[in-house]
Amino acid sequence: MAEKPEFWTEARLKKGITWLVVGIVVVVAGMAGYWYYLNQPQTGVPTVIQRQIDTARADITKDPKNIEPRIRLGQLLIQANDFNGAIAELQAALKLQKDNDIAIVLIGVAYEEQGKTAAAVKQYKTAIEASKAQKMNKLDPAVTEAMYRLANIEINEKEFSSAATLMQQVSASNSMDSDAHYYLGVAYNGLKKYDDAINELVQAVRFVPDYYQANYALGQAYEGKGDKDSARKAYEAALKYKSDYQPAKTALDKLK
């Protein structure tokens, strides 16, 4: 390696580093101040999301029969935690197009965020059934989202067989979908089908190596089989990608 030119003395390096750090601090502080400015409603300047909401409402006023700005407004209101407002806008969208799966699923999301699980499940199932009636060869993103959310609810309620059936459909539609492999693996863990779970979860982490939840679930599958060495490696992999992931920490401590 060539030696440093004499210009770069230790003193000059220290001074250069000092100014670099100062510059970074100034830039970061400026960005933070700008973000704060944009998001302070009391200053009279609306937040970014409020401006988007206002734009969507203006678009609806211009063209009341256009479904797109109503769906966009529903999405924005969910982000703003105005769930009742979102539901109202999305129901208005469904009056324009009763089988719009995006609006149906978003209403489910709004209900789920409110803790109204039964109402959310009804919406998700409606979207899924509609896609079956249309005999679609490939699931669209809205229906896939409905299946993920429904499967997650069913896993939490220990309805593992139903969740597995849903995720098998998603995986069949897209074999490279790491989330489908993950949820399917978790469902198989619940059913104590550990070999099947391992197969799915290995696929999930193969597609997304830093998928720490999948690594943790893989550890659970190995532990269920009694393979403690493989379980330990999987838990360590989960912690490699998220060092403060408490479930993996707890599981690893129990193995030691």
C-alpha atoms as a PDB file:
ATOM      1  CA  MET A   1       0.000   0.000   0.000  1.00  0.00           C
ATOM      2  CA  ALA A   2       1.322   3.472  -0.912  1.00  0.00           C
ATOM      3  CA  GLU A   3       2.149   5.740   1.995  1.00  0.00           C
ATOM      4  CA  LYS A   4      -0.118   8.716   2.721  1.00  0.00           C
ATOM      5  CA  PRO A   5       1.062  12.011   1.202  1.00  0.00           C
ATOM      6  CA  GLU A   6       2.724  14.221   3.782  1.00  0.00           C
ATOM      7  CA  PHE A   7      -0.178  16.676   3.487  1.00  0.00           C
ATOM      8  CA  TRP A   8      -2.325  14.253   5.515  1.00  0.00           C
ATOM      9  CA  THR A   9      -0.622  14.707   8.814  1.00  0.00           C
ATOM     10  CA  GLU A  10      -2.282  13.369  11.962  1.00  0.00           C
ATOM     11  CA  ALA A  11      -3.258  16.908  12.979  1.00  0.00           C
ATOM     12  CA  ARG A  12      -4.869  17.591   9.602  1.00  0.00           C
ATOM     13  CA  LEU A  13      -6.762  14.293   9.737  1.00  0.00           C
ATOM     14  CA  LYS A  14      -8.127  15.086  13.184  1.00  0.00           C
ATOM     15  CA  LYS A  15      -9.195  18.541  12.055  1.00  0.00           C
ATOM     16  CA  GLY A  16     -10.824  17.157   8.901  1.00  0.00           C
ATOM     17  CA  ILE A  17     -12.741  14.542  10.887  1.00  0.00           C
ATOM     18  CA  THR A  18     -13.898  17.204  13.342  1.00  0.00           C
ATOM     19  CA  TRP A  19     -15.297  19.376  10.553  1.00  0.00           C
ATOM     20  CA  LEU A  20     -16.921  16.340   8.922  1.00  0.00           C
ATOM     21  CA  VAL A  21     -18.713  15.470  12.159  1.00  0.00           C
ATOM     22  CA  VAL A  22     -19.826  19.080  12.594  1.00  0.00           C
ATOM     23  CA  GLY A  23     -21.132  19.098   9.034  1.00  0.00           C
ATOM     24  CA  ILE A  24     -23.124  15.902   9.572  1.00  0.00           C
ATOM     25  CA  VAL A  25     -24.638  17.258  12.775  1.00  0.00           C
ATOM     26  CA  VAL A  26     -25.689  20.456  10.997  1.00  0.00           C
ATOM     27  CA  VAL A  27     -27.295  18.543   8.119  1.00  0.00           C
ATOM     28  CA  VAL A  28     -29.146  16.151  10.432  1.00  0.00           C
ATOM     29  CA  ALA A  29     -30.343  19.020  12.621  1.00  0.00           C
ATOM     30  CA  GLY A  30     -31.560  20.865   9.553  1.00  0.00           C
ATOM     31  CA  MET A  31     -33.470  17.829   8.291  1.00  0.00           C
ATOM     32  CA  ALA A  32     -35.022  17.269  11.712  1.00  0.00           C
ATOM     33  CA  GLY A  33     -36.071  20.902  11.886  1.00  0.00           C
ATOM     34  CA  TYR A  34     -37.634  20.709   8.430  1.00  0.00           C
ATOM     35  CA  TRP A  35     -39.582  17.536   9.375  1.00  0.00           C
ATOM     36  CA  TYR A  36     -40.742  19.206  12.587  1.00  0.00           C
ATOM     37  CA  TYR A  37     -41.849  22.260  10.614  1.00  0.00           C
ATOM     38  CA  LEU A  38     -43.851  20.155   8.156  1.00  0.00           C
ATOM     39  CA  ASN A  39     -45.624  18.254  10.900  1.00  0.00           C
ATOM     40  CA  GLN A  40     -46.649  21.049  13.252  1.00  0.00           C
ATOM     41  CA  PRO A  41     -50.363  21.730  12.750  1.00  0.00           C
ATOM     42  CA  GLN A  42     -50.362  24.486  15.393  1.00  0.00           C
ATOM     43  CA  THR A  43     -48.093  26.644  13.227  1.00  0.00           C
ATOM     44  CA  GLY A  44     -50.834  26.939  10.640  1.00  0.00           C
ATOM     45  CA  VAL A  45     -48.970  24.681   8.180  1.00  0.00           C
ATOM     46  CA  PRO A  46     -50.848  21.370   7.602  1.00  0.00           C
ATOM     47  CA  THR A  47     -48.949  18.118   7.927  1.00  0.00           C
ATOM     48  CA  VAL A  48     -47.905  16.219   4.805  1.00  0.00           C
ATOM     49  CA  ILE A  49     -50.627  13.625   5.299  1.00  0.00           C
ATOM     50  CA  GLN A  50     -53.243  16.343   5.908  1.00  0.00           C
ATOM     51  CA  ARG A  51     -52.290  17.990   2.626  1.00  0.00           C
ATOM     52  CA  GLN A  52     -52.703  14.623   0.892  1.00  0.00           C
ATOM     53  CA  ILE A  53     -56.101  14.170   2.540  1.00  0.00           C
ATOM     54  CA  ASP A  54     -57.161  17.645   1.396  1.00  0.00           C
ATOM     55  CA  THR A  55     -56.012  16.862  -2.154  1.00  0.00           C
ATOM     56  CA  ALA A  56     -57.984  13.593  -2.205  1.00  0.00           C
ATOM     57  CA  ARG A  57     -61.103  15.369  -0.961  1.00  0.00           C
ATOM     58  CA  ALA A  58     -60.688  18.059  -3.622  1.00  0.00           C
ATOM     59  CA  ASP A  59     -60.393  15.329  -6.284  1.00  0.00           C
ATOM     60  CA  ILE A  60     -63.609  13.731  -5.009  1.00  0.00           C
ATOM     61  CA  THR A  61     -65.401  17.078  -5.229  1.00  0.00           C
ATOM     62  CA  LYS A  62     -64.225  17.490  -8.832  1.00  0.00           C
ATOM     63  CA  ASP A  63     -65.291  13.973  -9.838  1.00  0.00           C
ATOM     64  CA  PRO A  64     -67.674  12.368  -7.297  1.00  0.00           C
ATOM     65  CA  LYS A  65     -68.109   9.234  -9.403  1.00  0.00           C
ATOM     66  CA  ASN A  66     -64.372   8.466  -9.562  1.00  0.00           C
ATOM     67  CA  ILE A  67     -63.605   5.631  -7.136  1.00  0.00           C
ATOM     68  CA  GLU A  68     -59.820   6.098  -7.031  1.00  0.00           C
ATOM     69  CA  PRO A  69     -59.632   9.280  -4.895  1.00  0.00           C
ATOM     70  CA  ARG A  70     -62.139   7.767  -2.445  1.00  0.00           C
ATOM     71  CA  ILE A  71     -59.955   4.693  -1.982  1.00  0.00           C
ATOM     72  CA  ARG A  72     -56.877   6.895  -1.675  1.00  0.00           C
ATOM     73  CA  LEU A  73     -58.660   8.994   0.928  1.00  0.00           C
ATOM     74  CA  GLY A  74     -59.636   5.852   2.825  1.00  0.00           C
ATOM     75  CA  GLN A  75     -56.000   4.722   2.904  1.00  0.00           C
ATOM     76  CA  LEU A  76     -54.853   8.142   4.115  1.00  0.00           C
ATOM     77  CA  LEU A  77     -57.482   8.300   6.855  1.00  0.00           C
ATOM     78  CA  ILE A  78     -56.342   4.888   8.115  1.00  0.00           C
ATOM     79  CA  GLN A  79     -52.790   6.255   8.276  1.00  0.00           C
ATOM     80  CA  ALA A  80     -54.145   9.252  10.191  1.00  0.00           C
ATOM     81  CA  ASN A  81     -55.968   6.894  12.612  1.00  0.00           C
ATOM     82  CA  ASP A  82     -59.367   8.230  11.547  1.00  0.00           C
ATOM     83  CA  PHE A  83     -60.820   4.755  11.161  1.00  0.00           C
ATOM     84  CA  ASN A  84     -64.499   5.704  11.166  1.00  0.00           C
ATOM     85  CA  GLY A  85     -63.838   8.336   8.527  1.00  0.00           C
ATOM     86  CA  ALA A  86     -61.942   5.785   6.456  1.00  0.00           C
ATOM     87  CA  ILE A  87     -64.770   3.264   6.676  1.00  0.00           C
ATOM     88  CA  ALA A  88     -67.296   5.886   5.575  1.00  0.00           C
ATOM     89  CA  GLU A  89     -65.218   6.861   2.512  1.00  0.00           C
ATOM     90  CA  LEU A  90     -64.541   3.253   1.548  1.00  0.00           C
ATOM     91  CA  GLN A  91     -68.212   2.326   1.880  1.00  0.00           C
ATOM     92  CA  ALA A  92     -68.974   5.247  -0.429  1.00  0.00           C
ATOM     93  CA  ALA A  93     -66.444   3.782  -2.864  1.00  0.00           C
ATOM     94  CA  LEU A  94     -68.243   0.423  -2.714  1.00  0.00           C
ATOM     95  CA  LYS A  95     -71.489   2.141  -3.712  1.00  0.00           C
ATOM     96  CA  LEU A  96     -69.716   3.064  -6.920  1.00  0.00           C
ATOM     97  CA  GLN A  97     -68.172  -0.393  -7.392  1.00  0.00           C
ATOM     98  CA  LYS A  98     -69.564  -2.990  -5.008  1.00  0.00           C
ATOM     99  CA  ASP A  99     -66.924  -5.668  -5.684  1.00  0.00           C
ATOM    100  CA  ASN A 100     -63.817  -3.485  -5.375  1.00  0.00           C
ATOM    101  CA  ASP A 101     -61.520  -5.761  -3.379  1.00  0.00           C
ATOM    102  CA  ILE A 102     -59.166  -2.942  -2.315  1.00  0.00           C
ATOM    103  CA  ALA A 103     -62.004  -1.054  -0.622  1.00  0.00           C
ATOM    104  CA  ILE A 104     -63.326  -4.255   0.960  1.00  0.00           C
ATOM    105  CA  VAL A 105     -59.923  -5.176   2.412  1.00  0.00           C
ATOM    106  CA  LEU A 106     -59.170  -1.637   3.600  1.00  0.00           C
ATOM    107  CA  ILE A 107     -62.450  -1.574   5.532  1.00  0.00           C
ATOM    108  CA  GLY A 108     -61.238  -4.787   7.165  1.00  0.00           C
ATOM    109  CA  VAL A 109     -57.942  -3.123   8.048  1.00  0.00           C
ATOM    110  CA  ALA A 110     -59.796  -0.173   9.616  1.00  0.00           C
ATOM    111  CA  TYR A 111     -61.945  -2.550  11.676  1.00  0.00           C
ATOM    112  CA  GLU A 112     -58.895  -4.561  12.734  1.00  0.00           C
ATOM    113  CA  GLU A 113     -57.081  -1.405  13.845  1.00  0.00           C
ATOM    114  CA  GLN A 114     -60.121  -0.605  16.004  1.00  0.00           C
ATOM    115  CA  GLY A 115     -59.948  -4.048  17.590  1.00  0.00           C
ATOM    116  CA  LYS A 116     -63.150  -5.182  15.847  1.00  0.00           C
ATOM    117  CA  THR A 117     -61.708  -8.541  14.822  1.00  0.00           C
ATOM    118  CA  ALA A 118     -64.973 -10.250  13.853  1.00  0.00           C
ATOM    119  CA  ALA A 119     -65.920  -7.394  11.515  1.00  0.00           C
ATOM    120  CA  ALA A 120     -62.407  -7.433  10.000  1.00  0.00           C
ATOM    121  CA  VAL A 121     -62.583 -11.198   9.421  1.00  0.00           C
ATOM    122  CA  LYS A 122     -65.909 -10.771   7.613  1.00  0.00           C
ATOM    123  CA  GLN A 123     -64.350  -8.223   5.239  1.00  0.00           C
ATOM    124  CA  TYR A 124     -61.290 -10.356   4.540  1.00  0.00           C
ATOM    125  CA  LYS A 125     -63.415 -13.422   3.834  1.00  0.00           C
ATOM    126  CA  THR A 126     -65.644 -11.393   1.513  1.00  0.00           C
ATOM    127  CA  ALA A 127     -62.619 -10.320  -0.550  1.00  0.00           C
ATOM    128  CA  ILE A 128     -61.242 -13.873  -0.646  1.00  0.00           C
ATOM    129  CA  GLU A 129     -64.571 -15.404  -1.685  1.00  0.00           C
ATOM    130  CA  ALA A 130     -65.018 -12.786  -4.400  1.00  0.00           C
ATOM    131  CA  SER A 131     -61.644 -13.715  -5.867  1.00  0.00           C
ATOM    132  CA  LYS A 132     -62.663 -17.386  -5.924  1.00  0.00           C
ATOM    133  CA  ALA A 133     -65.884 -16.523  -7.742  1.00  0.00           C
ATOM    134  CA  GLN A 134     -63.873 -14.639 -10.352  1.00  0.00           C
ATOM    135  CA  LYS A 135     -61.640 -17.728 -10.789  1.00  0.00           C
ATOM    136  CA  MET A 136     -58.487 -15.636 -10.870  1.00  0.00           C
ATOM    137  CA  ASN A 137     -55.324 -17.486 -11.929  1.00  0.00           C
ATOM    138  CA  LYS A 138     -53.172 -15.297  -9.708  1.00  0.00           C
ATOM    139  CA  LEU A 139     -54.105 -13.555  -6.491  1.00  0.00           C
ATOM    140  CA  ASP A 140     -54.057  -9.775  -6.662  1.00  0.00           C
ATOM    141  CA  PRO A 141     -52.239  -7.807  -3.933  1.00  0.00           C
ATOM    142  CA  ALA A 142     -55.415  -6.817  -2.072  1.00  0.00           C
ATOM    143  CA  VAL A 143     -56.634 -10.416  -1.802  1.00  0.00           C
ATOM    144  CA  THR A 144     -53.160 -11.570  -0.778  1.00  0.00           C
ATOM    145  CA  GLU A 145     -53.140  -8.943   1.981  1.00  0.00           C
ATOM    146  CA  ALA A 146     -56.561 -10.177   3.126  1.00  0.00           C
ATOM    147  CA  MET A 147     -55.214 -13.722   3.301  1.00  0.00           C
ATOM    148  CA  TYR A 148     -52.152 -12.670   5.317  1.00  0.00           C
ATOM    149  CA  ARG A 149     -54.259 -10.730   7.779  1.00  0.00           C
ATOM    150  CA  LEU A 150     -56.863 -13.460   8.107  1.00  0.00           C
ATOM    151  CA  ALA A 151     -54.184 -16.120   8.571  1.00  0.00           C
ATOM    152  CA  ASN A 152     -52.517 -14.009  11.258  1.00  0.00           C
ATOM    153  CA  ILE A 153     -55.813 -13.666  13.123  1.00  0.00           C
ATOM    154  CA  GLU A 154     -56.464 -17.393  12.833  1.00  0.00           C
ATOM    155  CA  ILE A 155     -52.978 -18.251  14.093  1.00  0.00           C
ATOM    156  CA  ASN A 156     -53.540 -15.987  17.095  1.00  0.00           C
ATOM    157  CA  GLU A 157     -56.830 -17.793  17.696  1.00  0.00           C
ATOM    158  CA  LYS A 158     -55.073 -21.182  17.256  1.00  0.00           C
ATOM    159  CA  GLU A 159     -57.055 -22.036  14.116  1.00  0.00           C
ATOM    160  CA  PHE A 160     -53.921 -23.445  12.532  1.00  0.00           C
ATOM    161  CA  SER A 161     -55.521 -25.707   9.910  1.00  0.00           C
ATOM    162  CA  SER A 162     -57.527 -22.851   8.401  1.00  0.00           C
ATOM    163  CA  ALA A 163     -54.477 -20.569   8.412  1.00  0.00           C
ATOM    164  CA  ALA A 164     -52.403 -23.259   6.697  1.00  0.00           C
ATOM    165  CA  THR A 165     -55.025 -23.693   3.976  1.00  0.00           C
ATOM    166  CA  LEU A 166     -54.993 -19.956   3.266  1.00  0.00           C
ATOM    167  CA  MET A 167     -51.216 -19.768   3.051  1.00  0.00           C
ATOM    168  CA  GLN A 168     -51.029 -22.843   0.828  1.00  0.00           C
ATOM    169  CA  GLN A 169     -53.141 -20.895  -1.675  1.00  0.00           C
ATOM    170  CA  VAL A 170     -50.841 -17.878  -1.495  1.00  0.00           C
ATOM    171  CA  SER A 171     -47.748 -20.058  -1.857  1.00  0.00           C
ATOM    172  CA  ALA A 172     -49.271 -21.855  -4.835  1.00  0.00           C
ATOM    173  CA  SER A 173     -49.872 -18.474  -6.475  1.00  0.00           C
ATOM    174  CA  ASN A 174     -46.306 -17.293  -5.795  1.00  0.00           C
ATOM    175  CA  SER A 175     -43.792 -19.912  -4.633  1.00  0.00           C
ATOM    176  CA  MET A 176     -41.190 -17.203  -3.912  1.00  0.00           C
ATOM    177  CA  ASP A 177     -43.387 -15.361  -1.421  1.00  0.00           C
ATOM    178  CA  SER A 178     -41.350 -15.479   1.798  1.00  0.00           C
ATOM    179  CA  ASP A 179     -44.273 -14.269   3.916  1.00  0.00           C
ATOM    180  CA  ALA A 180     -46.456 -17.132   2.703  1.00  0.00           C
ATOM    181  CA  HIS A 181     -43.726 -19.616   3.642  1.00  0.00           C
ATOM    182  CA  TYR A 182     -43.366 -17.937   7.043  1.00  0.00           C
ATOM    183  CA  TYR A 183     -47.060 -17.987   7.954  1.00  0.00           C
ATOM    184  CA  LEU A 184     -47.404 -21.520   6.629  1.00  0.00           C
ATOM    185  CA  GLY A 185     -44.439 -22.592   8.750  1.00  0.00           C
ATOM    186  CA  VAL A 186     -45.944 -20.973  11.850  1.00  0.00           C
ATOM    187  CA  ALA A 187     -49.262 -22.723  11.185  1.00  0.00           C
ATOM    188  CA  TYR A 188     -47.475 -26.076  10.803  1.00  0.00           C
ATOM    189  CA  ASN A 189     -45.670 -25.428  14.091  1.00  0.00           C
ATOM    190  CA  GLY A 190     -49.069 -24.984  15.709  1.00  0.00           C
ATOM    191  CA  LEU A 191     -50.181 -28.295  14.207  1.00  0.00           C
ATOM    192  CA  LYS A 192     -46.936 -29.929  15.426  1.00  0.00           C
ATOM    193  CA  LYS A 193     -46.053 -30.789  11.815  1.00  0.00           C
ATOM    194  CA  TYR A 194     -42.453 -29.856  12.428  1.00  0.00           C
ATOM    195  CA  ASP A 195     -40.923 -31.368   9.279  1.00  0.00           C
ATOM    196  CA  ASP A 196     -43.393 -29.427   7.133  1.00  0.00           C
ATOM    197  CA  ALA A 197     -42.731 -26.296   9.191  1.00  0.00           C
ATOM    198  CA  ILE A 198     -38.962 -26.633   8.722  1.00  0.00           C
ATOM    199  CA  ASN A 199     -39.376 -27.028   4.976  1.00  0.00           C
ATOM    200  CA  GLU A 200     -41.455 -23.830   4.726  1.00  0.00           C
ATOM    201  CA  LEU A 201     -39.340 -21.747   7.096  1.00  0.00           C
ATOM    202  CA  VAL A 202     -36.083 -22.751   5.414  1.00  0.00           C
ATOM    203  CA  GLN A 203     -37.604 -21.412   2.201  1.00  0.00           C
ATOM    204  CA  ALA A 204     -38.614 -18.171   3.931  1.00  0.00           C
ATOM    205  CA  VAL A 205     -35.092 -17.456   5.211  1.00  0.00           C
ATOM    206  CA  ARG A 206     -33.558 -18.574   1.933  1.00  0.00           C
ATOM    207  CA  PHE A 207     -35.471 -15.833   0.114  1.00  0.00           C
ATOM    208  CA  VAL A 208     -35.017 -13.282   2.941  1.00  0.00           C
ATOM    209  CA  PRO A 209     -32.020 -14.223   5.151  1.00  0.00           C
ATOM    210  CA  ASP A 210     -32.616 -11.384   7.646  1.00  0.00           C
ATOM    211  CA  TYR A 211     -36.231 -12.452   8.262  1.00  0.00           C
ATOM    212  CA  TYR A 212     -35.690 -12.726  12.007  1.00  0.00           C
ATOM    213  CA  GLN A 213     -39.245 -13.863  12.812  1.00  0.00           C
ATOM    214  CA  ALA A 214     -38.855 -16.743  10.355  1.00  0.00           C
ATOM    215  CA  ASN A 215     -35.499 -17.683  11.878  1.00  0.00           C
ATOM    216  CA  TYR A 216     -37.138 -17.725  15.315  1.00  0.00           C
ATOM    217  CA  ALA A 217     -40.045 -19.856  14.077  1.00  0.00           C
ATOM    218  CA  LEU A 218     -37.512 -22.196  12.471  1.00  0.00           C
ATOM    219  CA  GLY A 219     -35.859 -22.556  15.856  1.00  0.00           C
ATOM    220  CA  GLN A 220     -39.220 -23.472  17.345  1.00  0.00           C
ATOM    221  CA  ALA A 221     -39.714 -26.145  14.684  1.00  0.00           C
ATOM    222  CA  TYR A 222     -36.299 -27.663  15.321  1.00  0.00           C
ATOM    223  CA  GLU A 223     -36.901 -27.538  19.057  1.00  0.00           C
ATOM    224  CA  GLY A 224     -40.248 -29.261  18.548  1.00  0.00           C
ATOM    225  CA  LYS A 225     -38.374 -32.087  16.820  1.00  0.00           C
ATOM    226  CA  GLY A 226     -35.867 -32.266  19.627  1.00  0.00           C
ATOM    227  CA  ASP A 227     -32.974 -30.945  17.506  1.00  0.00           C
ATOM    228  CA  LYS A 228     -31.564 -28.476  20.030  1.00  0.00           C
ATOM    229  CA  ASP A 229     -28.356 -27.723  18.117  1.00  0.00           C
ATOM    230  CA  SER A 230     -30.256 -26.618  15.006  1.00  0.00           C
ATOM    231  CA  ALA A 231     -32.736 -24.721  17.172  1.00  0.00           C
ATOM    232  CA  ARG A 232     -29.896 -22.838  18.840  1.00  0.00           C
ATOM    233  CA  LYS A 233     -28.427 -21.835  15.474  1.00  0.00           C
ATOM    234  CA  ALA A 234     -31.802 -20.597  14.268  1.00  0.00           C
ATOM    235  CA  TYR A 235     -32.380 -18.514  17.412  1.00  0.00           C
ATOM    236  CA  GLU A 236     -28.876 -17.072  17.089  1.00  0.00           C
ATOM    237  CA  ALA A 237     -29.628 -16.169  13.472  1.00  0.00           C
ATOM    238  CA  ALA A 238     -32.769 -14.340  14.599  1.00  0.00           C
ATOM    239  CA  LEU A 239     -30.730 -12.357  17.127  1.00  0.00           C
ATOM    240  CA  LYS A 240     -28.045 -11.647  14.545  1.00  0.00           C
ATOM    241  CA  TYR A 241     -30.585  -9.655  12.548  1.00  0.00           C
ATOM    242  CA  LYS A 242     -32.495  -8.203  15.522  1.00  0.00           C
ATOM    243  CA  SER A 243     -30.407  -8.275  18.666  1.00  0.00           C
ATOM    244  CA  ASP A 244     -33.254  -7.164  20.950  1.00  0.00           C
ATOM    245  CA  TYR A 245     -35.794  -9.756  19.740  1.00  0.00           C
ATOM    246  CA  GLN A 246     -37.001 -10.986  23.112  1.00  0.00           C
ATOM    247  CA  PRO A 247     -38.731 -14.239  22.028  1.00  0.00           C
ATOM    248  CA  ALA A 248     -35.449 -15.510  20.531  1.00  0.00           C
ATOM    249  CA  LYS A 249     -33.500 -14.381  23.620  1.00  0.00           C
ATOM    250  CA  THR A 250     -35.895 -16.223  25.926  1.00  0.00           C
ATOM    251  CA  ALA A 251     -35.860 -19.381  23.790  1.00  0.00           C
ATOM    252  CA  LEU A 252     -32.055 -19.367  23.582  1.00  0.00           C
ATOM    253  CA  ASP A 253     -31.705 -18.910  27.343  1.00  0.00           C
ATOM    254  CA  LYS A 254     -33.951 -21.917  27.940  1.00  0.00           C
ATOM    255  CA  LEU A 255     -31.723 -24.075  25.724  1.00  0.00           C
ATOM    256  CA  LYS A 256     -28.544 -23.161  27.618  1.00  0.00           C
END
